[in-house]
PDB file of N, CA and C in Angstrom:
ATOM      1  N   MET A   1       8.158  -3.975 -12.805  1.00  0.00           N
ATOM      2  CA  MET A   1       9.587  -3.886 -12.555  1.00  0.00           C
ATOM      3  C   MET A   1       9.891  -4.517 -11.204  1.00  0.00           C
ATOM      4  N   SER A   2      10.969  -5.270 -11.146  1.00  0.00           N
ATOM      5  CA  SER A   2      11.307  -5.930  -9.891  1.00  0.00           C
ATOM      6  C   SER A   2      12.042  -4.976  -8.965  1.00  0.00           C
ATOM      7  N   SER A   3      12.015  -5.310  -7.695  1.00  0.00           N
ATOM      8  CA  SER A   3      12.705  -4.500  -6.693  1.00  0.00           C
ATOM      9  C   SER A   3      14.213  -4.674  -6.848  1.00  0.00           C
ATOM     10  N   ILE A   4      14.956  -3.870  -6.100  1.00  0.00           N
ATOM     11  CA  ILE A   4      16.407  -3.952  -6.103  1.00  0.00           C
ATOM     12  C   ILE A   4      16.877  -4.177  -4.674  1.00  0.00           C
ATOM     13  N   SER A   5      18.059  -4.749  -4.534  1.00  0.00           N
ATOM     14  CA  SER A   5      18.550  -5.039  -3.190  1.00  0.00           C
ATOM     15  C   SER A   5      20.073  -5.000  -3.164  1.00  0.00           C
ATOM     16  N   MET A   6      20.589  -5.049  -1.947  1.00  0.00           N
ATOM     17  CA  MET A   6      22.037  -5.085  -1.764  1.00  0.00           C
ATOM     18  C   MET A   6      22.380  -5.915  -0.544  1.00  0.00           C
ATOM     19  N   THR A   7      23.581  -6.458  -0.568  1.00  0.00           N
ATOM     20  CA  THR A   7      24.146  -7.129   0.594  1.00  0.00           C
ATOM     21  C   THR A   7      25.595  -6.677   0.734  1.00  0.00           C
ATOM     22  N   ALA A   8      26.089  -6.718   1.956  1.00  0.00           N
ATOM     23  CA  ALA A   8      27.495  -6.418   2.204  1.00  0.00           C
ATOM     24  C   ALA A   8      27.891  -7.008   3.547  1.00  0.00           C
ATOM     25  N   THR A   9      29.138  -7.379   3.646  1.00  0.00           N
ATOM     26  CA  THR A   9      29.722  -7.777   4.917  1.00  0.00           C
ATOM     27  C   THR A   9      30.370  -6.543   5.517  1.00  0.00           C
ATOM     28  N   LEU A  10      30.189  -6.354   6.812  1.00  0.00           N
ATOM     29  CA  LEU A  10      30.748  -5.203   7.508  1.00  0.00           C
ATOM     30  C   LEU A  10      31.691  -5.708   8.592  1.00  0.00           C
ATOM     31  N   LYS A  11      32.941  -5.318   8.507  1.00  0.00           N
ATOM     32  CA  LYS A  11      33.938  -5.682   9.520  1.00  0.00           C
ATOM     33  C   LYS A  11      34.018  -4.563  10.549  1.00  0.00           C
ATOM     34  N   LEU A  12      33.906  -4.916  11.790  1.00  0.00           N
ATOM     35  CA  LEU A  12      33.932  -3.956  12.886  1.00  0.00           C
ATOM     36  C   LEU A  12      35.326  -3.342  13.013  1.00  0.00           C
ATOM     37  N   LYS A  13      35.384  -2.009  13.035  1.00  0.00           N
ATOM     38  CA  LYS A  13      36.643  -1.285  13.186  1.00  0.00           C
ATOM     39  C   LYS A  13      36.741  -0.593  14.544  1.00  0.00           C
ATOM     40  N   SER A  14      35.632  -0.503  15.241  1.00  0.00           N
ATOM     41  CA  SER A  14      35.631   0.234  16.505  1.00  0.00           C
ATOM     42  C   SER A  14      34.905  -0.560  17.578  1.00  0.00           C
ATOM     43  N   ASN A  15      34.580   0.092  18.622  1.00  0.00           N
ATOM     44  CA  ASN A  15      33.895  -0.463  19.785  1.00  0.00           C
ATOM     45  C   ASN A  15      32.544  -1.077  19.399  1.00  0.00           C
ATOM     46  N   VAL A  16      32.274  -2.280  19.878  1.00  0.00           N
ATOM     47  CA  VAL A  16      31.027  -2.964  19.563  1.00  0.00           C
ATOM     48  C   VAL A  16      29.816  -2.182  20.081  1.00  0.00           C
ATOM     49  N   ASN A  17      29.946  -1.526  21.229  1.00  0.00           N
ATOM     50  CA  ASN A  17      28.828  -0.739  21.762  1.00  0.00           C
ATOM     51  C   ASN A  17      28.489   0.426  20.841  1.00  0.00           C
ATOM     52  N   ALA A  18      29.514   1.082  20.296  1.00  0.00           N
ATOM     53  CA  ALA A  18      29.293   2.174  19.347  1.00  0.00           C
ATOM     54  C   ALA A  18      28.615   1.640  18.086  1.00  0.00           C
ATOM     55  N   ALA A  19      29.044   0.465  17.636  1.00  0.00           N
ATOM     56  CA  ALA A  19      28.452  -0.145  16.444  1.00  0.00           C
ATOM     57  C   ALA A  19      26.979  -0.460  16.659  1.00  0.00           C
ATOM     58  N   GLU A  20      26.667  -1.053  17.806  1.00  0.00           N
ATOM     59  CA  GLU A  20      25.277  -1.420  18.098  1.00  0.00           C
ATOM     60  C   GLU A  20      24.391  -0.176  18.176  1.00  0.00           C
ATOM     61  N   LYS A  21      24.897   0.889  18.778  1.00  0.00           N
ATOM     62  CA  LYS A  21      24.139   2.140  18.880  1.00  0.00           C
ATOM     63  C   LYS A  21      23.928   2.752  17.495  1.00  0.00           C
ATOM     64  N   LEU A  22      24.969   2.745  16.666  1.00  0.00           N
ATOM     65  CA  LEU A  22      24.851   3.259  15.304  1.00  0.00           C
ATOM     66  C   LEU A  22      23.807   2.472  14.519  1.00  0.00           C
ATOM     67  N   ILE A  23      23.862   1.150  14.602  1.00  0.00           N
ATOM     68  CA  ILE A  23      22.894   0.305  13.896  1.00  0.00           C
ATOM     69  C   ILE A  23      21.483   0.611  14.380  1.00  0.00           C
ATOM     70  N   GLU A  24      21.314   0.729  15.674  1.00  0.00           N
ATOM     71  CA  GLU A  24      20.004   1.067  16.241  1.00  0.00           C
ATOM     72  C   GLU A  24      19.484   2.386  15.651  1.00  0.00           C
ATOM     73  N   ASN A  25      20.348   3.385  15.572  1.00  0.00           N
ATOM     74  CA  ASN A  25      19.952   4.682  15.016  1.00  0.00           C
ATOM     75  C   ASN A  25      19.615   4.592  13.528  1.00  0.00           C
ATOM     76  N   LEU A  26      20.401   3.812  12.781  1.00  0.00           N
ATOM     77  CA  LEU A  26      20.141   3.649  11.355  1.00  0.00           C
ATOM     78  C   LEU A  26      18.799   2.964  11.103  1.00  0.00           C
ATOM     79  N   VAL A  27      18.518   1.929  11.882  1.00  0.00           N
ATOM     80  CA  VAL A  27      17.254   1.205  11.728  1.00  0.00           C
ATOM     81  C   VAL A  27      16.079   2.105  12.116  1.00  0.00           C
ATOM     82  N   GLU A  28      16.211   2.851  13.198  1.00  0.00           N
ATOM     83  CA  GLU A  28      15.142   3.775  13.599  1.00  0.00           C
ATOM     84  C   GLU A  28      14.883   4.818  12.518  1.00  0.00           C
ATOM     85  N   ASN A  29      15.946   5.317  11.902  1.00  0.00           N
ATOM     86  CA  ASN A  29      15.779   6.291  10.828  1.00  0.00           C
ATOM     87  C   ASN A  29      15.030   5.681   9.643  1.00  0.00           C
ATOM     88  N   GLN A  30      15.347   4.425   9.308  1.00  0.00           N
ATOM     89  CA  GLN A  30      14.649   3.772   8.199  1.00  0.00           C
ATOM     90  C   GLN A  30      13.170   3.563   8.507  1.00  0.00           C
ATOM     91  N   LYS A  31      12.847   3.338   9.752  1.00  0.00           N
ATOM     92  CA  LYS A  31      11.434   3.213  10.130  1.00  0.00           C
ATOM     93  C   LYS A  31      10.690   4.514   9.865  1.00  0.00           C
ATOM     94  N   LYS A  32      11.388   5.640  10.001  1.00  0.00           N
ATOM     95  CA  LYS A  32      10.770   6.953   9.756  1.00  0.00           C
ATOM     96  C   LYS A  32      10.711   7.282   8.278  1.00  0.00           C
ATOM     97  N   THR A  33      11.819   7.092   7.566  1.00  0.00           N
ATOM     98  CA  THR A  33      11.870   7.498   6.152  1.00  0.00           C
ATOM     99  C   THR A  33      11.173   6.504   5.237  1.00  0.00           C
ATOM    100  N   LYS A  34      11.217   5.227   5.621  1.00  0.00           N
ATOM    101  CA  LYS A  34      10.609   4.145   4.836  1.00  0.00           C
ATOM    102  C   LYS A  34      11.155   4.078   3.404  1.00  0.00           C
ATOM    103  N   ASN A  35      12.416   4.486   3.232  1.00  0.00           N
ATOM    104  CA  ASN A  35      13.048   4.359   1.915  1.00  0.00           C
ATOM    105  C   ASN A  35      13.223   2.895   1.545  1.00  0.00           C
ATOM    106  N   ALA A  36      13.668   2.094   2.498  1.00  0.00           N
ATOM    107  CA  ALA A  36      13.908   0.672   2.260  1.00  0.00           C
ATOM    108  C   ALA A  36      12.666  -0.124   2.649  1.00  0.00           C
ATOM    109  N   SER A  37      12.357  -1.155   1.853  1.00  0.00           N
ATOM    110  CA  SER A  37      11.255  -2.043   2.228  1.00  0.00           C
ATOM    111  C   SER A  37      11.754  -3.114   3.198  1.00  0.00           C
ATOM    112  N   ILE A  38      13.048  -3.428   3.142  1.00  0.00           N
ATOM    113  CA  ILE A  38      13.705  -4.308   4.106  1.00  0.00           C
ATOM    114  C   ILE A  38      15.057  -3.682   4.426  1.00  0.00           C
ATOM    115  N   TYR A  39      15.390  -3.623   5.698  1.00  0.00           N
ATOM    116  CA  TYR A  39      16.658  -3.032   6.137  1.00  0.00           C
ATOM    117  C   TYR A  39      17.101  -3.819   7.360  1.00  0.00           C
ATOM    118  N   GLU A  40      18.046  -4.762   7.175  1.00  0.00           N
ATOM    119  CA  GLU A  40      18.397  -5.698   8.237  1.00  0.00           C
ATOM    120  C   GLU A  40      19.905  -5.789   8.448  1.00  0.00           C
ATOM    121  N   TYR A  41      20.277  -5.888   9.705  1.00  0.00           N
ATOM    122  CA  TYR A  41      21.657  -6.166  10.103  1.00  0.00           C
ATOM    123  C   TYR A  41      21.668  -7.501  10.827  1.00  0.00           C
ATOM    124  N   HIS A  42      22.688  -8.305  10.545  1.00  0.00           N
ATOM    125  CA  HIS A  42      22.874  -9.581  11.212  1.00  0.00           C
ATOM    126  C   HIS A  42      24.312  -9.618  11.731  1.00  0.00           C
ATOM    127  N   LYS A  43      24.580 -10.416  12.748  1.00  0.00           N
ATOM    128  CA  LYS A  43      25.889 -10.397  13.390  1.00  0.00           C
ATOM    129  C   LYS A  43      26.379 -11.807  13.707  1.00  0.00           C
ATOM    130  N   GLN A  44      27.690 -11.999  13.513  1.00  0.00           N
ATOM    131  CA  GLN A  44      28.374 -13.201  13.986  1.00  0.00           C
ATOM    132  C   GLN A  44      29.759 -12.740  14.443  1.00  0.00           C
ATOM    133  N   GLY A  45      29.994 -12.774  15.736  1.00  0.00           N
ATOM    134  CA  GLY A  45      31.254 -12.284  16.281  1.00  0.00           C
ATOM    135  C   GLY A  45      31.402 -10.802  16.000  1.00  0.00           C
ATOM    136  N   ASP A  46      32.538 -10.404  15.400  1.00  0.00           N
ATOM    137  CA  ASP A  46      32.727  -8.995  15.064  1.00  0.00           C
ATOM    138  C   ASP A  46      32.417  -8.706  13.596  1.00  0.00           C
ATOM    139  N   GLU A  47      31.728  -9.642  12.952  1.00  0.00           N
ATOM    140  CA  GLU A  47      31.334  -9.473  11.555  1.00  0.00           C
ATOM    141  C   GLU A  47      29.825  -9.244  11.476  1.00  0.00           C
ATOM    142  N   TYR A  48      29.440  -8.238  10.730  1.00  0.00           N
ATOM    143  CA  TYR A  48      28.033  -7.920  10.529  1.00  0.00           C
ATOM    144  C   TYR A  48      27.691  -8.137   9.068  1.00  0.00           C
ATOM    145  N   HIS A  49      26.428  -8.398   8.816  1.00  0.00           N
ATOM    146  CA  HIS A  49      25.950  -8.540   7.447  1.00  0.00           C
ATOM    147  C   HIS A  49      24.763  -7.609   7.282  1.00  0.00           C
ATOM    148  N   LEU A  50      24.781  -6.822   6.223  1.00  0.00           N
ATOM    149  CA  LEU A  50      23.723  -5.857   5.931  1.00  0.00           C
ATOM    150  C   LEU A  50      22.942  -6.326   4.716  1.00  0.00           C
ATOM    151  N   TYR A  51      21.616  -6.284   4.828  1.00  0.00           N
ATOM    152  CA  TYR A  51      20.732  -6.599   3.701  1.00  0.00           C
ATOM    153  C   TYR A  51      19.714  -5.479   3.584  1.00  0.00           C
ATOM    154  N   GLU A  52      19.618  -4.906   2.389  1.00  0.00           N
ATOM    155  CA  GLU A  52      18.644  -3.846   2.115  1.00  0.00           C
ATOM    156  C   GLU A  52      17.879  -4.185   0.846  1.00  0.00           C
ATOM    157  N   ARG A  53      16.582  -3.856   0.841  1.00  0.00           N
ATOM    158  CA  ARG A  53      15.755  -4.014  -0.368  1.00  0.00           C
ATOM    159  C   ARG A  53      14.970  -2.727  -0.562  1.00  0.00           C
ATOM    160  N   TYR A  54      14.866  -2.329  -1.819  1.00  0.00           N
ATOM    161  CA  TYR A  54      14.153  -1.103  -2.193  1.00  0.00           C
ATOM    162  C   TYR A  54      13.173  -1.401  -3.319  1.00  0.00           C
ATOM    163  N   ASN A  55      12.098  -0.638  -3.365  1.00  0.00           N
ATOM    164  CA  ASN A  55      11.123  -0.809  -4.442  1.00  0.00           C
ATOM    165  C   ASN A  55      11.666  -0.326  -5.775  1.00  0.00           C
ATOM    166  N   ASN A  56      12.626   0.623  -5.727  1.00  0.00           N
ATOM    167  CA  ASN A  56      13.185   1.171  -6.962  1.00  0.00           C
ATOM    168  C   ASN A  56      14.465   1.956  -6.652  1.00  0.00           C
ATOM    169  N   SER A  57      15.141   2.379  -7.707  1.00  0.00           N
ATOM    170  CA  SER A  57      16.390   3.127  -7.558  1.00  0.00           C
ATOM    171  C   SER A  57      16.177   4.468  -6.883  1.00  0.00           C
ATOM    172  N   THR A  58      15.034   5.098  -7.112  1.00  0.00           N
ATOM    173  CA  THR A  58      14.741   6.396  -6.499  1.00  0.00           C
ATOM    174  C   THR A  58      14.759   6.288  -4.977  1.00  0.00           C
ATOM    175  N   ASN A  59      14.175   5.222  -4.438  1.00  0.00           N
ATOM    176  CA  ASN A  59      14.166   5.029  -2.982  1.00  0.00           C
ATOM    177  C   ASN A  59      15.568   4.785  -2.438  1.00  0.00           C
ATOM    178  N   TRP A  60      16.387   4.044  -3.170  1.00  0.00           N
ATOM    179  CA  TRP A  60      17.748   3.791  -2.714  1.00  0.00           C
ATOM    180  C   TRP A  60      18.558   5.090  -2.763  1.00  0.00           C
ATOM    181  N   LEU A  61      18.354   5.897  -3.799  1.00  0.00           N
ATOM    182  CA  LEU A  61      19.027   7.194  -3.871  1.00  0.00           C
ATOM    183  C   LEU A  61      18.626   8.087  -2.697  1.00  0.00           C
ATOM    184  N   ALA A  62      17.357   8.057  -2.315  1.00  0.00           N
ATOM    185  CA  ALA A  62      16.898   8.842  -1.160  1.00  0.00           C
ATOM    186  C   ALA A  62      17.592   8.346   0.108  1.00  0.00           C
ATOM    187  N   HIS A  63      17.758   7.034   0.222  1.00  0.00           N
ATOM    188  CA  HIS A  63      18.476   6.485   1.376  1.00  0.00           C
ATOM    189  C   HIS A  63      19.926   6.971   1.390  1.00  0.00           C
ATOM    190  N   LEU A  64      20.567   6.995   0.238  1.00  0.00           N
ATOM    191  CA  LEU A  64      21.951   7.464   0.179  1.00  0.00           C
ATOM    192  C   LEU A  64      22.075   8.916   0.618  1.00  0.00           C
ATOM    193  N   GLN A  65      21.085   9.724   0.286  1.00  0.00           N
ATOM    194  CA  GLN A  65      21.091  11.118   0.747  1.00  0.00           C
ATOM    195  C   GLN A  65      21.008  11.159   2.268  1.00  0.00           C
ATOM    196  N   ASP A  66      20.115  10.372   2.855  1.00  0.00           N
ATOM    197  CA  ASP A  66      20.012  10.297   4.316  1.00  0.00           C
ATOM    198  C   ASP A  66      21.310   9.762   4.922  1.00  0.00           C
ATOM    199  N   PHE A  67      21.871   8.736   4.293  1.00  0.00           N
ATOM    200  CA  PHE A  67      23.082   8.093   4.779  1.00  0.00           C
ATOM    201  C   PHE A  67      24.261   9.059   4.807  1.00  0.00           C
ATOM    202  N   SER A  68      24.279  10.007   3.897  1.00  0.00           N
ATOM    203  CA  SER A  68      25.412  10.940   3.828  1.00  0.00           C
ATOM    204  C   SER A  68      25.606  11.695   5.137  1.00  0.00           C
ATOM    205  N   THR A  69      24.555  11.840   5.934  1.00  0.00           N
ATOM    206  CA  THR A  69      24.662  12.559   7.208  1.00  0.00           C
ATOM    207  C   THR A  69      25.375  11.737   8.284  1.00  0.00           C
ATOM    208  N   VAL A  70      25.454  10.420   8.100  1.00  0.00           N
ATOM    209  CA  VAL A  70      26.119   9.543   9.080  1.00  0.00           C
ATOM    210  C   VAL A  70      27.267   8.743   8.462  1.00  0.00           C
ATOM    211  N   ALA A  71      27.584   9.008   7.214  1.00  0.00           N
ATOM    212  CA  ALA A  71      28.594   8.217   6.497  1.00  0.00           C
ATOM    213  C   ALA A  71      29.942   8.222   7.203  1.00  0.00           C
ATOM    214  N   GLU A  72      30.366   9.373   7.686  1.00  0.00           N
ATOM    215  CA  GLU A  72      31.664   9.454   8.352  1.00  0.00           C
ATOM    216  C   GLU A  72      31.705   8.540   9.580  1.00  0.00           C
ATOM    217  N   GLU A  73      30.656   8.583  10.381  1.00  0.00           N
ATOM    218  CA  GLU A  73      30.579   7.712  11.566  1.00  0.00           C
ATOM    219  C   GLU A  73      30.518   6.243  11.156  1.00  0.00           C
ATOM    220  N   PHE A  74      29.733   5.951  10.109  1.00  0.00           N
ATOM    221  CA  PHE A  74      29.585   4.576   9.642  1.00  0.00           C
ATOM    222  C   PHE A  74      30.940   4.002   9.221  1.00  0.00           C
ATOM    223  N   PHE A  75      31.688   4.765   8.414  1.00  0.00           N
ATOM    224  CA  PHE A  75      32.964   4.263   7.914  1.00  0.00           C
ATOM    225  C   PHE A  75      34.068   4.283   8.964  1.00  0.00           C
ATOM    226  N   ALA A  76      33.885   5.024  10.045  1.00  0.00           N
ATOM    227  CA  ALA A  76      34.803   4.945  11.183  1.00  0.00           C
ATOM    228  C   ALA A  76      34.511   3.694  12.013  1.00  0.00           C
ATOM    229  N   THR A  77      33.292   3.182  11.881  1.00  0.00           N
ATOM    230  CA  THR A  77      32.845   2.020  12.650  1.00  0.00           C
ATOM    231  C   THR A  77      33.016   0.715  11.896  1.00  0.00           C
ATOM    232  N   PHE A  78      32.762   0.746  10.588  1.00  0.00           N
ATOM    233  CA  PHE A  78      32.775  -0.470   9.764  1.00  0.00           C
ATOM    234  C   PHE A  78      33.614  -0.308   8.507  1.00  0.00           C
ATOM    235  N   GLU A  79      34.161  -1.436   8.076  1.00  0.00           N
ATOM    236  CA  GLU A  79      34.775  -1.528   6.754  1.00  0.00           C
ATOM    237  C   GLU A  79      33.845  -2.393   5.912  1.00  0.00           C
ATOM    238  N   ILE A  80      33.441  -1.892   4.752  1.00  0.00           N
ATOM    239  CA  ILE A  80      32.543  -2.650   3.874  1.00  0.00           C
ATOM    240  C   ILE A  80      33.361  -3.631   3.044  1.00  0.00           C
ATOM    241  N   GLU A  81      32.900  -4.877   3.017  1.00  0.00           N
ATOM    242  CA  GLU A  81      33.509  -5.904   2.186  1.00  0.00           C
ATOM    243  C   GLU A  81      32.445  -6.542   1.305  1.00  0.00           C
ATOM    244  N   ASN A  82      32.818  -6.798   0.080  1.00  0.00           N
ATOM    245  CA  ASN A  82      31.972  -7.544  -0.852  1.00  0.00           C
ATOM    246  C   ASN A  82      30.572  -6.950  -1.024  1.00  0.00           C
ATOM    247  N   PRO A  83      30.445  -5.647  -1.282  1.00  0.00           N
ATOM    248  CA  PRO A  83      29.108  -5.098  -1.515  1.00  0.00           C
ATOM    249  C   PRO A  83      28.570  -5.546  -2.876  1.00  0.00           C
ATOM    250  N   ARG A  84      27.330  -5.995  -2.882  1.00  0.00           N
ATOM    251  CA  ARG A  84      26.699  -6.503  -4.100  1.00  0.00           C
ATOM    252  C   ARG A  84      25.321  -5.875  -4.256  1.00  0.00           C
ATOM    253  N   ALA A  85      25.006  -5.476  -5.472  1.00  0.00           N
ATOM    254  CA  ALA A  85      23.704  -4.892  -5.782  1.00  0.00           C
ATOM    255  C   ALA A  85      22.991  -5.803  -6.776  1.00  0.00           C
ATOM    256  N   PHE A  86      21.691  -5.977  -6.563  1.00  0.00           N
ATOM    257  CA  PHE A  86      20.910  -6.913  -7.369  1.00  0.00           C
ATOM    258  C   PHE A  86      19.703  -6.217  -7.986  1.00  0.00           C
ATOM    259  N   GLY A  87      19.461  -6.490  -9.253  1.00  0.00           N
ATOM    260  CA  GLY A  87      18.250  -5.993  -9.897  1.00  0.00           C
ATOM    261  C   GLY A  87      18.518  -4.862 -10.870  1.00  0.00           C
ATOM    262  N   PRO A  88      17.435  -4.269 -11.367  1.00  0.00           N
ATOM    263  CA  PRO A  88      17.544  -3.212 -12.378  1.00  0.00           C
ATOM    264  C   PRO A  88      17.946  -1.858 -11.765  1.00  0.00           C
ATOM    265  N   ILE A  89      19.235  -1.676 -11.551  1.00  0.00           N
ATOM    266  CA  ILE A  89      19.779  -0.466 -10.950  1.00  0.00           C
ATOM    267  C   ILE A  89      19.879   0.617 -12.025  1.00  0.00           C
ATOM    268  N   SER A  90      19.355   1.795 -11.742  1.00  0.00           N
ATOM    269  CA  SER A  90      19.423   2.897 -12.708  1.00  0.00           C
ATOM    270  C   SER A  90      20.866   3.374 -12.864  1.00  0.00           C
ATOM    271  N   ASP A  91      21.144   4.027 -13.990  1.00  0.00           N
ATOM    272  CA  ASP A  91      22.477   4.581 -14.221  1.00  0.00           C
ATOM    273  C   ASP A  91      22.822   5.610 -13.149  1.00  0.00           C
ATOM    274  N   GLU A  92      21.854   6.413 -12.741  1.00  0.00           N
ATOM    275  CA  GLU A  92      22.083   7.424 -11.707  1.00  0.00           C
ATOM    276  C   GLU A  92      22.511   6.762 -10.387  1.00  0.00           C
ATOM    277  N   LEU A  93      21.848   5.676 -10.024  1.00  0.00           N
ATOM    278  CA  LEU A  93      22.207   4.970  -8.792  1.00  0.00           C
ATOM    279  C   LEU A  93      23.576   4.299  -8.929  1.00  0.00           C
ATOM    280  N   ARG A  94      23.862   3.696 -10.081  1.00  0.00           N
ATOM    281  CA  ARG A  94      25.187   3.106 -10.306  1.00  0.00           C
ATOM    282  C   ARG A  94      26.279   4.148 -10.104  1.00  0.00           C
ATOM    283  N   ASP A  95      26.049   5.346 -10.634  1.00  0.00           N
ATOM    284  CA  ASP A  95      27.022   6.426 -10.471  1.00  0.00           C
ATOM    285  C   ASP A  95      27.186   6.797  -9.004  1.00  0.00           C
ATOM    286  N   ALA A  96      26.069   6.855  -8.270  1.00  0.00           N
ATOM    287  CA  ALA A  96      26.105   7.215  -6.847  1.00  0.00           C
ATOM    288  C   ALA A  96      26.826   6.150  -6.015  1.00  0.00           C
ATOM    289  N   LEU A  97      26.774   4.902  -6.447  1.00  0.00           N
ATOM    290  CA  LEU A  97      27.397   3.793  -5.718  1.00  0.00           C
ATOM    291  C   LEU A  97      28.837   3.525  -6.157  1.00  0.00           C
ATOM    292  N   ALA A  98      29.302   4.248  -7.158  1.00  0.00           N
ATOM    293  CA  ALA A  98      30.607   3.970  -7.767  1.00  0.00           C
ATOM    294  C   ALA A  98      31.744   3.902  -6.754  1.00  0.00           C
ATOM    295  N   GLY A  99      31.761   4.758  -5.777  1.00  0.00           N
ATOM    296  CA  GLY A  99      32.858   4.794  -4.819  1.00  0.00           C
ATOM    297  C   GLY A  99      32.825   3.713  -3.749  1.00  0.00           C
ATOM    298  N   PHE A 100      31.771   2.917  -3.712  1.00  0.00           N
ATOM    299  CA  PHE A 100      31.627   1.894  -2.675  1.00  0.00           C
ATOM    300  C   PHE A 100      32.150   0.523  -3.094  1.00  0.00           C
ATOM    301  N   GLY A 101      32.491   0.349  -4.360  1.00  0.00           N
ATOM    302  CA  GLY A 101      33.042  -0.925  -4.819  1.00  0.00           C
ATOM    303  C   GLY A 101      32.029  -2.019  -5.073  1.00  0.00           C
ATOM    304  N   PHE A 102      30.809  -1.652  -5.423  1.00  0.00           N
ATOM    305  CA  PHE A 102      29.762  -2.648  -5.657  1.00  0.00           C
ATOM    306  C   PHE A 102      30.030  -3.486  -6.895  1.00  0.00           C
ATOM    307  N   THR A 103      29.625  -4.756  -6.825  1.00  0.00           N
ATOM    308  CA  THR A 103      29.476  -5.627  -7.982  1.00  0.00           C
ATOM    309  C   THR A 103      27.981  -5.663  -8.267  1.00  0.00           C
ATOM    310  N   PHE A 104      27.605  -5.509  -9.545  1.00  0.00           N
ATOM    311  CA  PHE A 104      26.190  -5.430  -9.918  1.00  0.00           C
ATOM    312  C   PHE A 104      25.753  -6.724 -10.595  1.00  0.00           C
ATOM    313  N   PHE A 105      24.600  -7.223 -10.175  1.00  0.00           N
ATOM    314  CA  PHE A 105      24.006  -8.429 -10.738  1.00  0.00           C
ATOM    315  C   PHE A 105      22.655  -8.084 -11.343  1.00  0.00           C
ATOM    316  N   GLU A 106      22.432  -8.554 -12.574  1.00  0.00           N
ATOM    317  CA  GLU A 106      21.150  -8.356 -13.238  1.00  0.00           C
ATOM    318  C   GLU A 106      20.182  -9.459 -12.822  1.00  0.00           C
ATOM    319  N   THR A 107      18.898  -9.126 -12.798  1.00  0.00           N
ATOM    320  CA  THR A 107      17.874 -10.114 -12.488  1.00  0.00           C
ATOM    321  C   THR A 107      17.688 -11.027 -13.690  1.00  0.00           C
ATOM    322  N   VAL A 108      17.705 -12.329 -13.448  1.00  0.00           N
ATOM    323  CA  VAL A 108      17.489 -13.326 -14.499  1.00  0.00           C
ATOM    324  C   VAL A 108      16.062 -13.848 -14.398  1.00  0.00           C
ATOM    325  N   ALA A 109      15.587 -14.079 -13.183  1.00  0.00           N
ATOM    326  CA  ALA A 109      14.234 -14.592 -12.974  1.00  0.00           C
ATOM    327  C   ALA A 109      13.768 -14.166 -11.593  1.00  0.00           C
ATOM    328  N   THR A 110      12.474 -13.933 -11.459  1.00  0.00           N
ATOM    329  CA  THR A 110      11.881 -13.570 -10.184  1.00  0.00           C
ATOM    330  C   THR A 110      10.415 -13.986 -10.187  1.00  0.00           C
ATOM    331  N   ASN A 111       9.812 -14.052  -9.021  1.00  0.00           N
ATOM    332  CA  ASN A 111       8.370 -14.350  -8.980  1.00  0.00           C
ATOM    333  C   ASN A 111       7.630 -13.250  -8.320  1.00  0.00           C
TER     334      ASN A 111
END
């Protein structure tokens, strides 16, 4: 089974220093939980880009549980635009992501 991933553009809604600190904390948490196999933030001006990869839907669901503890701060800091999910996403994960506005893409080919 192939891995699953997501991308999203994040528009800054608050102070850049608060955003950088939040991102630092999120990345440090992922280093501890190891839910994501790749967890990256990129920046251009006040626009950020998030890329996450997971070995399976179970790991992404575990990340969402962890994320729920900081979701309020995250959404006060960023507005999510164009969230996209790639790969064989389980029905349970699709349901969990329903409120985020994801577009889902099926895997056609991989190596």
